[in-house]
Amino acid sequence: MNRSTAHPSNYLSKQDVMPPLVLTIAGVQMEALQGDDGRKSKPVMSFREEGVKPMIVNKTNWMVLEAVYGDESDDWIGKSVEVYHDPEVMMMGNRIGGTRVRIPAGTPGAPAPAAAPATDAPKPERLEWEDAKSMAVEVGMDEAALKDALKAEGCKGYSPTRDGDMVRKIIGEVDEIIPF
């Protein structure tokens, strides 16, 4: 049993959007929701499709919709939105994954698809955090020093795909400075 089965939510969660859902916005209204710090009023989006839970619209998702459909949520009614699981969503410094929205391809105003990378362009090699720490230890660097070095390079949270090459760079720099 997973958490969504043990503690079902009344709102869309990352488990509900794997695979992504293309939905039609029925409306956005403010609802009082209970959180860790008491009740707060938050925007909640409902959909025309039957059986789909409403979605709490955070600031990031709001800005995506606003950029294409305008700043008035009443103008979003009848518009398409794709809701998907983004494993890179961070909360309180931890990568937990979450729901994100994007405008479906082919929708007027949707961002054009990104150009395909050149075939000769190197792709970053995935490096899991445990492997990154092991590499750092091999060159005499502990986990805290590796985290500090990543922060100094502008990394706010570790992504195995995005930051693997940065770790290799850091390890390479340390390898030249620290004698063995």
C-alpha atoms as a PDB file:
ATOM      1  CA  MET A   1       0.000   0.000   0.000  1.00  0.00           C
ATOM      2  CA  ASN A   2       1.295   3.460  -0.791  1.00  0.00           C
ATOM      3  CA  ARG A   3       0.612   6.765   0.980  1.00  0.00           C
ATOM      4  CA  SER A   4      -2.054   7.883  -1.510  1.00  0.00           C
ATOM      5  CA  THR A   5      -3.985   4.682  -0.805  1.00  0.00           C
ATOM      6  CA  ALA A   6      -3.534   4.923   2.969  1.00  0.00           C
ATOM      7  CA  HIS A   7      -4.272   8.659   3.102  1.00  0.00           C
ATOM      8  CA  PRO A   8      -6.319   9.607   0.024  1.00  0.00           C
ATOM      9  CA  SER A   9      -6.416  13.282  -0.902  1.00  0.00           C
ATOM     10  CA  ASN A  10      -9.415  15.307  -2.038  1.00  0.00           C
ATOM     11  CA  TYR A  11      -7.114  17.139  -4.474  1.00  0.00           C
ATOM     12  CA  LEU A  12      -4.964  16.063  -7.414  1.00  0.00           C
ATOM     13  CA  SER A  13      -1.592  14.708  -6.341  1.00  0.00           C
ATOM     14  CA  LYS A  14       1.464  13.511  -8.234  1.00  0.00           C
ATOM     15  CA  GLN A  15       0.170   9.918  -8.091  1.00  0.00           C
ATOM     16  CA  ASP A  16      -3.021  11.004  -9.888  1.00  0.00           C
ATOM     17  CA  VAL A  17      -1.179  12.437 -12.891  1.00  0.00           C
ATOM     18  CA  MET A  18       1.056   9.545 -13.887  1.00  0.00           C
ATOM     19  CA  PRO A  19       0.622   9.493 -16.869  1.00  0.00           C
ATOM     20  CA  PRO A  20      -0.121  13.191 -17.454  1.00  0.00           C
ATOM     21  CA  LEU A  21      -3.734  14.301 -17.883  1.00  0.00           C
ATOM     22  CA  VAL A  22      -4.963  16.822 -20.463  1.00  0.00           C
ATOM     23  CA  LEU A  23      -7.956  18.512 -18.862  1.00  0.00           C
ATOM     24  CA  THR A  24     -10.395  21.351 -19.496  1.00  0.00           C
ATOM     25  CA  ILE A  25     -10.589  24.060 -16.859  1.00  0.00           C
ATOM     26  CA  ALA A  26     -14.108  24.445 -15.409  1.00  0.00           C
ATOM     27  CA  GLY A  27     -13.230  27.207 -12.951  1.00  0.00           C
ATOM     28  CA  VAL A  28     -11.001  28.492 -10.183  1.00  0.00           C
ATOM     29  CA  GLN A  29     -12.353  29.422  -6.766  1.00  0.00           C
ATOM     30  CA  MET A  30     -10.853  30.216  -3.399  1.00  0.00           C
ATOM     31  CA  GLU A  31     -11.278  27.530  -0.721  1.00  0.00           C
ATOM     32  CA  ALA A  32     -10.332  27.524   2.951  1.00  0.00           C
ATOM     33  CA  LEU A  33      -7.891  24.654   3.422  1.00  0.00           C
ATOM     34  CA  GLN A  34      -6.445  23.288   6.634  1.00  0.00           C
ATOM     35  CA  GLY A  35      -2.639  23.298   6.716  1.00  0.00           C
ATOM     36  CA  ASP A  36       0.061  22.829   9.322  1.00  0.00           C
ATOM     37  CA  ASP A  37      -0.210  26.514  10.208  1.00  0.00           C
ATOM     38  CA  GLY A  38      -4.019  26.721  10.356  1.00  0.00           C
ATOM     39  CA  ARG A  39      -6.677  27.455   7.738  1.00  0.00           C
ATOM     40  CA  LYS A  40      -5.672  29.409   4.648  1.00  0.00           C
ATOM     41  CA  SER A  41      -7.615  30.412   1.601  1.00  0.00           C
ATOM     42  CA  LYS A  42      -6.076  28.983  -1.584  1.00  0.00           C
ATOM     43  CA  PRO A  43      -7.088  28.872  -5.240  1.00  0.00           C
ATOM     44  CA  VAL A  44      -8.528  25.534  -6.335  1.00  0.00           C
ATOM     45  CA  MET A  45      -9.077  24.625  -9.994  1.00  0.00           C
ATOM     46  CA  SER A  46     -11.876  22.295 -11.051  1.00  0.00           C
ATOM     47  CA  PHE A  47     -12.111  20.448 -14.354  1.00  0.00           C
ATOM     48  CA  ARG A  48     -14.913  19.522 -16.750  1.00  0.00           C
ATOM     49  CA  GLU A  49     -13.844  15.895 -17.017  1.00  0.00           C
ATOM     50  CA  GLU A  50     -15.787  13.555 -14.734  1.00  0.00           C
ATOM     51  CA  GLY A  51     -14.000  11.802 -11.905  1.00  0.00           C
ATOM     52  CA  VAL A  52     -11.029  14.175 -11.824  1.00  0.00           C
ATOM     53  CA  LYS A  53     -10.252  15.710  -8.434  1.00  0.00           C
ATOM     54  CA  PRO A  54      -9.792  19.485  -8.206  1.00  0.00           C
ATOM     55  CA  MET A  55      -6.251  20.858  -7.997  1.00  0.00           C
ATOM     56  CA  ILE A  56      -4.766  23.369  -5.568  1.00  0.00           C
ATOM     57  CA  VAL A  57      -3.067  25.973  -7.783  1.00  0.00           C
ATOM     58  CA  ASN A  58       0.263  27.060  -6.302  1.00  0.00           C
ATOM     59  CA  LYS A  59       2.098  30.212  -7.447  1.00  0.00           C
ATOM     60  CA  THR A  60       4.325  28.366  -9.921  1.00  0.00           C
ATOM     61  CA  ASN A  61       1.389  26.706 -11.674  1.00  0.00           C
ATOM     62  CA  TRP A  62      -0.614  29.946 -11.571  1.00  0.00           C
ATOM     63  CA  MET A  63       2.182  31.806 -13.373  1.00  0.00           C
ATOM     64  CA  VAL A  64       2.312  29.152 -16.131  1.00  0.00           C
ATOM     65  CA  LEU A  65      -1.418  29.538 -16.776  1.00  0.00           C
ATOM     66  CA  GLU A  66      -1.317  33.313 -16.443  1.00  0.00           C
ATOM     67  CA  ALA A  67       1.498  33.628 -19.006  1.00  0.00           C
ATOM     68  CA  VAL A  68      -0.658  32.062 -21.736  1.00  0.00           C
ATOM     69  CA  TYR A  69      -4.280  32.568 -20.690  1.00  0.00           C
ATOM     70  CA  GLY A  70      -4.059  35.933 -18.912  1.00  0.00           C
ATOM     71  CA  ASP A  71      -4.084  37.132 -15.318  1.00  0.00           C
ATOM     72  CA  GLU A  72      -7.854  36.701 -14.772  1.00  0.00           C
ATOM     73  CA  SER A  73      -8.669  33.094 -13.879  1.00  0.00           C
ATOM     74  CA  ASP A  74     -12.252  33.492 -15.161  1.00  0.00           C
ATOM     75  CA  ASP A  75     -10.696  33.739 -18.646  1.00  0.00           C
ATOM     76  CA  TRP A  76      -9.157  30.264 -18.192  1.00  0.00           C
ATOM     77  CA  ILE A  77     -12.545  28.521 -18.205  1.00  0.00           C
ATOM     78  CA  GLY A  78     -12.783  26.164 -21.175  1.00  0.00           C
ATOM     79  CA  LYS A  79      -9.012  26.239 -21.774  1.00  0.00           C
ATOM     80  CA  SER A  80      -6.859  23.103 -21.889  1.00  0.00           C
ATOM     81  CA  VAL A  81      -4.171  22.320 -19.373  1.00  0.00           C
ATOM     82  CA  GLU A  82      -1.873  19.340 -19.007  1.00  0.00           C
ATOM     83  CA  VAL A  83      -1.253  18.280 -15.413  1.00  0.00           C
ATOM     84  CA  TYR A  84       1.813  16.104 -14.862  1.00  0.00           C
ATOM     85  CA  HIS A  85       4.172  14.765 -12.207  1.00  0.00           C
ATOM     86  CA  ASP A  86       7.441  16.695 -11.968  1.00  0.00           C
ATOM     87  CA  PRO A  87       9.983  14.746  -9.869  1.00  0.00           C
ATOM     88  CA  GLU A  88      12.118  17.896  -9.451  1.00  0.00           C
ATOM     89  CA  VAL A  89       9.591  19.808  -7.279  1.00  0.00           C
ATOM     90  CA  MET A  90      11.251  20.921  -4.044  1.00  0.00           C
ATOM     91  CA  MET A  91       9.675  21.502  -0.632  1.00  0.00           C
ATOM     92  CA  MET A  92      11.620  22.822   2.348  1.00  0.00           C
ATOM     93  CA  GLY A  93      14.922  21.941   0.670  1.00  0.00           C
ATOM     94  CA  ASN A  94      13.901  18.377  -0.211  1.00  0.00           C
ATOM     95  CA  ARG A  95      13.155  17.054  -3.681  1.00  0.00           C
ATOM     96  CA  ILE A  96       9.748  15.419  -3.214  1.00  0.00           C
ATOM     97  CA  GLY A  97       8.132  15.717  -6.623  1.00  0.00           C
ATOM     98  CA  GLY A  98       4.736  17.248  -7.229  1.00  0.00           C
ATOM     99  CA  THR A  99       2.125  18.324  -9.731  1.00  0.00           C
ATOM    100  CA  ARG A 100       2.877  20.890 -12.397  1.00  0.00           C
ATOM    101  CA  VAL A 101       0.885  22.300 -15.276  1.00  0.00           C
ATOM    102  CA  ARG A 102       1.832  23.093 -18.834  1.00  0.00           C
ATOM    103  CA  ILE A 103      -0.082  24.198 -21.855  1.00  0.00           C
ATOM    104  CA  PRO A 104      -0.672  21.235 -24.191  1.00  0.00           C
ATOM    105  CA  ALA A 105       1.292  21.324 -27.445  1.00  0.00           C
ATOM    106  CA  GLY A 106      -0.707  22.811 -30.285  1.00  0.00           C
ATOM    107  CA  THR A 107      -2.733  25.100 -28.008  1.00  0.00           C
ATOM    108  CA  PRO A 108      -2.708  28.725 -29.249  1.00  0.00           C
ATOM    109  CA  GLY A 109      -0.193  30.622 -27.154  1.00  0.00           C
ATOM    110  CA  ALA A 110       1.579  27.468 -25.988  1.00  0.00           C
ATOM    111  CA  PRO A 111       5.365  27.700 -25.928  1.00  0.00           C
ATOM    112  CA  ALA A 112       7.008  26.181 -28.976  1.00  0.00           C
ATOM    113  CA  PRO A 113       8.662  22.834 -28.343  1.00  0.00           C
ATOM    114  CA  ALA A 114      12.317  23.148 -27.429  1.00  0.00           C
ATOM    115  CA  ALA A 115      14.702  22.591 -30.278  1.00  0.00           C
ATOM    116  CA  ALA A 116      16.282  19.167 -30.286  1.00  0.00           C
ATOM    117  CA  PRO A 117      19.828  19.273 -28.945  1.00  0.00           C
ATOM    118  CA  ALA A 118      22.597  18.919 -31.471  1.00  0.00           C
ATOM    119  CA  THR A 119      23.570  15.273 -31.795  1.00  0.00           C
ATOM    120  CA  ASP A 120      27.203  16.072 -31.082  1.00  0.00           C
ATOM    121  CA  ALA A 121      26.377  18.041 -27.916  1.00  0.00           C
ATOM    122  CA  PRO A 122      27.362  16.090 -24.804  1.00  0.00           C
ATOM    123  CA  LYS A 123      24.498  15.070 -22.539  1.00  0.00           C
ATOM    124  CA  PRO A 124      25.010  15.403 -18.813  1.00  0.00           C
ATOM    125  CA  GLU A 125      25.631  12.032 -17.244  1.00  0.00           C
ATOM    126  CA  ARG A 126      23.280  11.126 -14.396  1.00  0.00           C
ATOM    127  CA  LEU A 127      25.037  10.860 -11.030  1.00  0.00           C
ATOM    128  CA  GLU A 128      23.023   9.748  -8.006  1.00  0.00           C
ATOM    129  CA  TRP A 129      23.767  11.536  -4.717  1.00  0.00           C
ATOM    130  CA  GLU A 130      25.149   8.413  -3.020  1.00  0.00           C
ATOM    131  CA  ASP A 131      27.622   7.980  -5.907  1.00  0.00           C
ATOM    132  CA  ALA A 132      28.540  11.685  -5.775  1.00  0.00           C
ATOM    133  CA  LYS A 133      29.301  11.394  -2.049  1.00  0.00           C
ATOM    134  CA  SER A 134      31.414   8.280  -2.679  1.00  0.00           C
ATOM    135  CA  MET A 135      33.399  10.094  -5.357  1.00  0.00           C
ATOM    136  CA  ALA A 136      33.958  13.012  -3.001  1.00  0.00           C
ATOM    137  CA  VAL A 137      35.173  10.715  -0.205  1.00  0.00           C
ATOM    138  CA  GLU A 138      37.651   9.134  -2.647  1.00  0.00           C
ATOM    139  CA  VAL A 139      39.324  12.531  -3.095  1.00  0.00           C
ATOM    140  CA  GLY A 140      39.236  13.409   0.607  1.00  0.00           C
ATOM    141  CA  MET A 141      36.081  15.522   0.660  1.00  0.00           C
ATOM    142  CA  ASP A 142      33.235  14.817   3.093  1.00  0.00           C
ATOM    143  CA  GLU A 143      29.530  15.251   2.358  1.00  0.00           C
ATOM    144  CA  ALA A 144      29.328  18.667   4.033  1.00  0.00           C
ATOM    145  CA  ALA A 145      32.233  19.991   1.954  1.00  0.00           C
ATOM    146  CA  LEU A 146      30.633  18.672  -1.228  1.00  0.00           C
ATOM    147  CA  LYS A 147      27.331  20.378  -0.352  1.00  0.00           C
ATOM    148  CA  ASP A 148      29.183  23.634   0.380  1.00  0.00           C
ATOM    149  CA  ALA A 149      31.028  23.426  -2.936  1.00  0.00           C
ATOM    150  CA  LEU A 150      27.761  22.814  -4.793  1.00  0.00           C
ATOM    151  CA  LYS A 151      26.147  25.780  -3.050  1.00  0.00           C
ATOM    152  CA  ALA A 152      29.141  27.944  -3.976  1.00  0.00           C
ATOM    153  CA  GLU A 153      28.489  26.953  -7.616  1.00  0.00           C
ATOM    154  CA  GLY A 154      24.858  28.094  -7.309  1.00  0.00           C
ATOM    155  CA  CYS A 155      23.172  24.705  -6.797  1.00  0.00           C
ATOM    156  CA  LYS A 156      20.177  25.022  -4.458  1.00  0.00           C
ATOM    157  CA  GLY A 157      19.294  21.333  -4.426  1.00  0.00           C
ATOM    158  CA  TYR A 158      20.933  18.300  -5.953  1.00  0.00           C
ATOM    159  CA  SER A 159      19.614  16.892  -9.223  1.00  0.00           C
ATOM    160  CA  PRO A 160      21.294  13.683 -10.480  1.00  0.00           C
ATOM    161  CA  THR A 161      20.959  14.835 -14.092  1.00  0.00           C
ATOM    162  CA  ARG A 162      21.575  18.554 -13.756  1.00  0.00           C
ATOM    163  CA  ASP A 163      24.375  18.527 -11.178  1.00  0.00           C
ATOM    164  CA  GLY A 164      26.318  15.332 -11.952  1.00  0.00           C
ATOM    165  CA  ASP A 165      28.785  17.189 -14.179  1.00  0.00           C
ATOM    166  CA  MET A 166      29.169  19.918 -11.537  1.00  0.00           C
ATOM    167  CA  VAL A 167      30.169  17.275  -8.981  1.00  0.00           C
ATOM    168  CA  ARG A 168      32.688  15.889 -11.447  1.00  0.00           C
ATOM    169  CA  LYS A 169      34.077  19.400 -11.939  1.00  0.00           C
ATOM    170  CA  ILE A 170      34.325  19.916  -8.188  1.00  0.00           C
ATOM    171  CA  ILE A 171      35.948  16.526  -7.685  1.00  0.00           C
ATOM    172  CA  GLY A 172      38.387  17.316 -10.484  1.00  0.00           C
ATOM    173  CA  GLU A 173      39.315  20.646  -8.900  1.00  0.00           C
ATOM    174  CA  VAL A 174      39.780  19.056  -5.501  1.00  0.00           C
ATOM    175  CA  ASP A 175      41.774  16.203  -7.010  1.00  0.00           C
ATOM    176  CA  GLU A 176      44.309  18.720  -8.315  1.00  0.00           C
ATOM    177  CA  ILE A 177      44.522  20.672  -5.051  1.00  0.00           C
ATOM    178  CA  ILE A 178      44.454  17.971  -2.357  1.00  0.00           C
ATOM    179  CA  PRO A 179      47.533  15.685  -2.501  1.00  0.00           C
ATOM    180  CA  PHE A 180      47.189  11.982  -1.726  1.00  0.00           C
END
